[in-house]
Amino acid sequence: MFHEHITVISPSVCKEIEDMALEGFVTWISRSYVPGDLKNFDMVLAATDDREVNHTVFLEARREKIPVNISDCKEECSFYFPSVIKDGDIVIGVTSGGADHKKTKQTADRIRSLIWNQKD
């Protein structure tokens, strides 16, 4: 079962995440990741600028059978985030399987343009 709470583990965060932590929307643990941090998580995103840390997160997530998205290595992802287009009750997801985020965004933007330009 997925929980509706987000935990960010990072020595520093952007102002928006810091504000969300102050407002109680996310939990910010102000330190670097250490093995064992993933216990009881339902889903994990690793987006550090350190390949070794991202890989260690991947290994722990795989061992714990937690779905994981590793920002710098599509081969270590067990899921990808699609670009989502919504039009009323219609929902369209576009993904490149982690291969080309820019092309995914461009394709989603083209689909949005086609949908919105076709409206009566």
N, C-alpha and C. Protein backbone atom coordinates (compact mmCIF):
# COMPACT_ATOMS: atom_id res chain seq x y z
N MET A 1 0.84 -1.17 0.00
CA MET A 1 0.00 0.00 0.00
C MET A 1 0.89 1.24 0.00
N PHE A 2 0.54 2.22 -0.82
CA PHE A 2 1.32 3.44 -0.91
C PHE A 2 0.82 4.48 0.09
N HIS A 3 1.75 5.13 0.72
CA HIS A 3 1.42 6.22 1.63
C HIS A 3 1.43 7.52 0.85
N GLU A 4 0.82 8.53 1.39
CA GLU A 4 0.75 9.81 0.70
C GLU A 4 1.75 10.80 1.26
N HIS A 5 2.86 10.33 1.76
CA HIS A 5 3.84 11.24 2.34
C HIS A 5 5.18 11.08 1.62
N ILE A 6 5.87 12.18 1.48
CA ILE A 6 7.16 12.19 0.79
C ILE A 6 8.26 12.50 1.81
N THR A 7 9.33 11.73 1.73
CA THR A 7 10.51 11.98 2.55
C THR A 7 11.66 12.30 1.62
N VAL A 8 12.35 13.40 1.89
CA VAL A 8 13.52 13.81 1.12
C VAL A 8 14.74 13.67 2.02
N ILE A 9 15.72 12.90 1.56
CA ILE A 9 16.97 12.76 2.30
C ILE A 9 18.04 13.46 1.49
N SER A 10 18.51 14.59 2.02
CA SER A 10 19.51 15.39 1.30
C SER A 10 20.09 16.42 2.25
N PRO A 11 21.41 16.66 2.16
CA PRO A 11 22.01 17.68 3.01
C PRO A 11 21.44 19.07 2.74
N SER A 12 21.00 19.30 1.50
CA SER A 12 20.41 20.60 1.16
C SER A 12 19.29 20.37 0.16
N VAL A 13 18.35 21.31 0.14
CA VAL A 13 17.22 21.24 -0.79
C VAL A 13 16.94 22.64 -1.32
N CYS A 14 16.15 22.70 -2.38
CA CYS A 14 15.76 24.00 -2.93
C CYS A 14 14.74 24.64 -1.99
N LYS A 15 14.52 25.91 -2.17
CA LYS A 15 13.61 26.68 -1.31
C LYS A 15 12.20 26.09 -1.30
N GLU A 16 11.72 25.63 -2.45
CA GLU A 16 10.37 25.08 -2.53
C GLU A 16 10.21 23.84 -1.64
N ILE A 17 11.20 22.96 -1.66
CA ILE A 17 11.12 21.76 -0.82
C ILE A 17 11.28 22.14 0.64
N GLU A 18 12.15 23.08 0.92
CA GLU A 18 12.31 23.53 2.31
C GLU A 18 10.99 24.11 2.83
N ASP A 19 10.31 24.91 2.01
CA ASP A 19 9.02 25.46 2.40
C ASP A 19 7.98 24.36 2.62
N MET A 20 7.97 23.36 1.73
CA MET A 20 7.01 22.26 1.89
C MET A 20 7.30 21.49 3.18
N ALA A 21 8.57 21.36 3.54
CA ALA A 21 8.92 20.69 4.80
C ALA A 21 8.43 21.52 5.98
N LEU A 22 8.62 22.82 5.92
CA LEU A 22 8.16 23.69 7.01
C LEU A 22 6.65 23.65 7.17
N GLU A 23 5.94 23.46 6.05
CA GLU A 23 4.48 23.40 6.09
C GLU A 23 3.96 21.99 6.39
N GLY A 24 4.87 21.02 6.50
CA GLY A 24 4.47 19.65 6.85
C GLY A 24 4.04 18.79 5.69
N PHE A 25 4.26 19.25 4.46
CA PHE A 25 3.88 18.46 3.29
C PHE A 25 4.90 17.38 2.97
N VAL A 26 6.14 17.59 3.33
CA VAL A 26 7.20 16.59 3.16
C VAL A 26 8.03 16.53 4.43
N THR A 27 8.72 15.42 4.61
CA THR A 27 9.70 15.30 5.68
C THR A 27 11.06 15.45 5.05
N TRP A 28 11.86 16.38 5.56
CA TRP A 28 13.21 16.58 5.06
C TRP A 28 14.19 16.11 6.11
N ILE A 29 14.97 15.08 5.76
CA ILE A 29 16.05 14.59 6.61
C ILE A 29 17.33 15.23 6.08
N SER A 30 17.87 16.17 6.84
CA SER A 30 18.98 17.00 6.37
C SER A 30 20.33 16.30 6.57
N ARG A 31 20.60 15.34 5.70
CA ARG A 31 21.87 14.62 5.70
C ARG A 31 21.95 13.81 4.43
N SER A 32 23.09 13.21 4.17
CA SER A 32 23.25 12.33 3.01
C SER A 32 22.60 10.98 3.28
N TYR A 33 22.26 10.30 2.19
CA TYR A 33 21.72 8.94 2.26
C TYR A 33 22.73 8.01 2.92
N VAL A 34 22.23 7.09 3.72
CA VAL A 34 23.05 6.00 4.26
C VAL A 34 22.28 4.70 4.05
N PRO A 35 22.98 3.61 3.76
CA PRO A 35 22.29 2.33 3.59
C PRO A 35 21.39 2.04 4.79
N GLY A 36 20.19 1.56 4.47
CA GLY A 36 19.18 1.30 5.49
C GLY A 36 18.08 2.35 5.50
N ASP A 37 18.34 3.48 4.84
CA ASP A 37 17.34 4.56 4.80
C ASP A 37 16.05 4.17 4.10
N LEU A 38 16.08 3.21 3.21
CA LEU A 38 14.91 2.90 2.41
C LEU A 38 13.88 2.02 3.12
N LYS A 39 14.23 1.55 4.29
CA LYS A 39 13.32 0.66 5.02
C LYS A 39 11.95 1.34 5.17
N ASN A 40 10.92 0.60 4.82
CA ASN A 40 9.52 1.03 4.91
C ASN A 40 9.10 2.05 3.86
N PHE A 41 9.94 2.32 2.85
CA PHE A 41 9.51 3.20 1.77
C PHE A 41 8.76 2.38 0.74
N ASP A 42 7.79 3.01 0.08
CA ASP A 42 6.99 2.34 -0.95
C ASP A 42 7.56 2.53 -2.35
N MET A 43 8.27 3.64 -2.53
CA MET A 43 8.83 3.98 -3.83
C MET A 43 10.02 4.89 -3.57
N VAL A 44 11.04 4.80 -4.43
CA VAL A 44 12.27 5.57 -4.21
C VAL A 44 12.70 6.25 -5.50
N LEU A 45 13.14 7.51 -5.35
CA LEU A 45 13.75 8.25 -6.44
C LEU A 45 15.14 8.64 -5.99
N ALA A 46 16.12 8.35 -6.79
CA ALA A 46 17.49 8.77 -6.48
C ALA A 46 17.91 9.77 -7.55
N ALA A 47 18.19 10.99 -7.12
CA ALA A 47 18.54 12.04 -8.07
C ALA A 47 19.72 12.86 -7.55
N THR A 48 20.75 12.16 -7.10
CA THR A 48 21.93 12.87 -6.61
C THR A 48 22.88 13.10 -7.78
N ASP A 49 23.92 13.87 -7.52
CA ASP A 49 24.95 14.08 -8.54
C ASP A 49 26.13 13.13 -8.33
N ASP A 50 25.87 12.06 -7.58
CA ASP A 50 26.91 11.08 -7.23
C ASP A 50 26.49 9.70 -7.72
N ARG A 51 27.14 9.22 -8.77
CA ARG A 51 26.80 7.93 -9.38
C ARG A 51 26.88 6.81 -8.36
N GLU A 52 27.87 6.82 -7.48
CA GLU A 52 28.03 5.76 -6.49
C GLU A 52 26.85 5.73 -5.52
N VAL A 53 26.41 6.89 -5.07
CA VAL A 53 25.25 6.95 -4.17
C VAL A 53 24.01 6.46 -4.89
N ASN A 54 23.77 6.93 -6.10
CA ASN A 54 22.59 6.48 -6.86
C ASN A 54 22.60 4.97 -7.04
N HIS A 55 23.76 4.41 -7.34
CA HIS A 55 23.87 2.96 -7.54
C HIS A 55 23.61 2.21 -6.22
N THR A 56 24.11 2.74 -5.12
CA THR A 56 23.88 2.10 -3.82
C THR A 56 22.39 2.13 -3.47
N VAL A 57 21.72 3.24 -3.78
CA VAL A 57 20.27 3.33 -3.57
C VAL A 57 19.57 2.26 -4.42
N PHE A 58 19.98 2.14 -5.68
CA PHE A 58 19.40 1.12 -6.56
C PHE A 58 19.55 -0.28 -5.96
N LEU A 59 20.76 -0.61 -5.50
CA LEU A 59 21.00 -1.95 -4.96
C LEU A 59 20.12 -2.21 -3.73
N GLU A 60 20.01 -1.22 -2.85
CA GLU A 60 19.17 -1.41 -1.66
C GLU A 60 17.70 -1.54 -2.06
N ALA A 61 17.24 -0.72 -2.97
CA ALA A 61 15.84 -0.79 -3.40
C ALA A 61 15.54 -2.15 -4.05
N ARG A 62 16.44 -2.62 -4.87
CA ARG A 62 16.25 -3.93 -5.52
C ARG A 62 16.20 -5.03 -4.46
N ARG A 63 17.11 -4.99 -3.51
CA ARG A 63 17.16 -5.99 -2.44
C ARG A 63 15.86 -5.96 -1.61
N GLU A 64 15.33 -4.76 -1.37
CA GLU A 64 14.12 -4.61 -0.57
C GLU A 64 12.84 -4.72 -1.39
N LYS A 65 13.00 -4.93 -2.72
CA LYS A 65 11.87 -5.05 -3.65
C LYS A 65 11.00 -3.78 -3.65
N ILE A 66 11.67 -2.63 -3.68
CA ILE A 66 11.00 -1.34 -3.71
C ILE A 66 11.13 -0.78 -5.13
N PRO A 67 10.03 -0.34 -5.75
CA PRO A 67 10.15 0.31 -7.06
C PRO A 67 11.09 1.51 -6.95
N VAL A 68 11.97 1.65 -7.95
CA VAL A 68 12.99 2.70 -7.88
C VAL A 68 13.19 3.36 -9.23
N ASN A 69 13.43 4.67 -9.20
CA ASN A 69 13.80 5.43 -10.38
C ASN A 69 15.13 6.10 -10.07
N ILE A 70 16.13 5.78 -10.87
CA ILE A 70 17.48 6.33 -10.69
C ILE A 70 17.70 7.33 -11.81
N SER A 71 17.86 8.60 -11.45
CA SER A 71 17.85 9.68 -12.45
C SER A 71 18.96 9.60 -13.49
N ASP A 72 20.10 9.01 -13.15
CA ASP A 72 21.21 9.03 -14.10
C ASP A 72 21.49 7.68 -14.76
N CYS A 73 20.56 6.71 -14.60
CA CYS A 73 20.83 5.40 -15.19
C CYS A 73 19.52 4.66 -15.45
N LYS A 74 19.03 4.72 -16.68
CA LYS A 74 17.74 4.10 -16.98
C LYS A 74 17.75 2.58 -16.75
N GLU A 75 18.93 1.95 -16.87
CA GLU A 75 19.00 0.50 -16.66
C GLU A 75 18.74 0.13 -15.19
N GLU A 76 18.88 1.08 -14.29
CA GLU A 76 18.64 0.81 -12.88
C GLU A 76 17.23 1.23 -12.43
N CYS A 77 16.40 1.62 -13.37
CA CYS A 77 15.03 2.03 -13.05
C CYS A 77 14.08 0.85 -13.20
N SER A 78 13.20 0.70 -12.22
CA SER A 78 12.14 -0.31 -12.36
C SER A 78 10.84 0.35 -12.82
N PHE A 79 10.83 1.69 -12.93
CA PHE A 79 9.69 2.41 -13.49
C PHE A 79 10.18 3.76 -14.00
N TYR A 80 9.37 4.35 -14.88
CA TYR A 80 9.65 5.68 -15.43
C TYR A 80 8.42 6.56 -15.21
N PHE A 81 8.64 7.85 -15.14
CA PHE A 81 7.54 8.78 -15.05
C PHE A 81 7.13 9.20 -16.45
N PRO A 82 5.88 8.97 -16.81
CA PRO A 82 5.44 9.44 -18.12
C PRO A 82 5.09 10.92 -18.07
N SER A 83 5.09 11.53 -19.22
CA SER A 83 4.50 12.86 -19.35
C SER A 83 3.00 12.61 -19.49
N VAL A 84 2.19 13.28 -18.70
CA VAL A 84 0.75 13.01 -18.67
C VAL A 84 -0.01 14.17 -19.30
N ILE A 85 -0.92 13.80 -20.21
CA ILE A 85 -1.79 14.77 -20.86
C ILE A 85 -3.21 14.42 -20.45
N LYS A 86 -3.93 15.40 -19.90
CA LYS A 86 -5.32 15.17 -19.49
C LYS A 86 -6.23 16.10 -20.25
N ASP A 87 -7.34 15.54 -20.71
CA ASP A 87 -8.38 16.32 -21.38
C ASP A 87 -9.71 15.75 -20.92
N GLY A 88 -10.29 16.37 -19.90
CA GLY A 88 -11.52 15.84 -19.35
C GLY A 88 -11.26 14.47 -18.76
N ASP A 89 -12.02 13.48 -19.22
CA ASP A 89 -11.87 12.11 -18.72
C ASP A 89 -10.79 11.32 -19.46
N ILE A 90 -10.19 11.91 -20.47
CA ILE A 90 -9.15 11.23 -21.25
C ILE A 90 -7.79 11.54 -20.64
N VAL A 91 -7.00 10.49 -20.42
CA VAL A 91 -5.64 10.64 -19.89
C VAL A 91 -4.69 9.89 -20.82
N ILE A 92 -3.65 10.58 -21.26
CA ILE A 92 -2.66 9.99 -22.16
C ILE A 92 -1.29 10.08 -21.47
N GLY A 93 -0.57 8.98 -21.45
CA GLY A 93 0.79 8.97 -20.90
C GLY A 93 1.79 8.73 -22.01
N VAL A 94 2.87 9.52 -22.00
CA VAL A 94 3.92 9.39 -23.01
C VAL A 94 5.23 9.13 -22.29
N THR A 95 5.95 8.10 -22.72
CA THR A 95 7.26 7.81 -22.15
C THR A 95 8.18 7.28 -23.23
N SER A 96 9.47 7.49 -23.03
CA SER A 96 10.46 6.93 -23.95
C SER A 96 11.22 5.80 -23.26
N GLY A 97 10.65 5.28 -22.17
CA GLY A 97 11.33 4.23 -21.43
C GLY A 97 12.62 4.71 -20.81
N GLY A 98 12.67 6.00 -20.49
CA GLY A 98 13.86 6.56 -19.86
C GLY A 98 14.97 6.92 -20.83
N ALA A 99 14.73 6.72 -22.13
CA ALA A 99 15.79 6.93 -23.11
C ALA A 99 15.99 8.39 -23.50
N ASP A 100 14.91 9.17 -23.55
CA ASP A 100 15.04 10.54 -24.06
C ASP A 100 13.96 11.42 -23.45
N HIS A 101 14.27 12.02 -22.31
CA HIS A 101 13.29 12.85 -21.60
C HIS A 101 12.87 14.06 -22.44
N LYS A 102 13.80 14.65 -23.16
CA LYS A 102 13.51 15.82 -23.97
C LYS A 102 12.51 15.47 -25.07
N LYS A 103 12.73 14.34 -25.73
CA LYS A 103 11.82 13.92 -26.80
C LYS A 103 10.44 13.58 -26.23
N THR A 104 10.41 12.98 -25.05
CA THR A 104 9.13 12.68 -24.40
C THR A 104 8.35 13.97 -24.17
N LYS A 105 9.02 14.98 -23.62
CA LYS A 105 8.37 16.26 -23.36
C LYS A 105 7.89 16.90 -24.67
N GLN A 106 8.73 16.88 -25.69
CA GLN A 106 8.35 17.48 -26.97
C GLN A 106 7.13 16.76 -27.56
N THR A 107 7.10 15.44 -27.48
CA THR A 107 5.97 14.67 -28.00
C THR A 107 4.70 14.98 -27.23
N ALA A 108 4.80 15.04 -25.91
CA ALA A 108 3.63 15.37 -25.08
C ALA A 108 3.13 16.77 -25.41
N ASP A 109 4.04 17.71 -25.59
CA ASP A 109 3.64 19.08 -25.94
C ASP A 109 2.92 19.11 -27.29
N ARG A 110 3.39 18.32 -28.26
CA ARG A 110 2.73 18.26 -29.57
C ARG A 110 1.33 17.68 -29.43
N ILE A 111 1.17 16.63 -28.63
CA ILE A 111 -0.15 16.03 -28.42
C ILE A 111 -1.08 17.03 -27.75
N ARG A 112 -0.59 17.73 -26.71
CA ARG A 112 -1.40 18.76 -26.04
C ARG A 112 -1.87 19.81 -27.05
N SER A 113 -0.95 20.25 -27.89
CA SER A 113 -1.27 21.26 -28.90
C SER A 113 -2.35 20.76 -29.85
N LEU A 114 -2.23 19.52 -30.28
CA LEU A 114 -3.23 18.95 -31.19
C LEU A 114 -4.60 18.87 -30.53
N ILE A 115 -4.62 18.43 -29.28
CA ILE A 115 -5.89 18.29 -28.55
C ILE A 115 -6.54 19.67 -28.38
N TRP A 116 -5.76 20.62 -27.88
CA TRP A 116 -6.34 21.93 -27.57
C TRP A 116 -6.70 22.72 -28.82
N ASN A 117 -5.96 22.50 -29.91
CA ASN A 117 -6.28 23.20 -31.16
C ASN A 117 -7.48 22.61 -31.87
N GLN A 118 -7.87 21.38 -31.53
CA GLN A 118 -9.00 20.72 -32.16
C GLN A 118 -10.33 20.97 -31.44
N LYS A 119 -10.28 21.64 -30.29
CA LYS A 119 -11.49 21.89 -29.51
C LYS A 119 -12.44 22.77 -30.29
N ASP A 120 -13.74 22.47 -30.14
CA ASP A 120 -14.78 23.29 -30.79
C ASP A 120 -14.95 24.61 -30.11
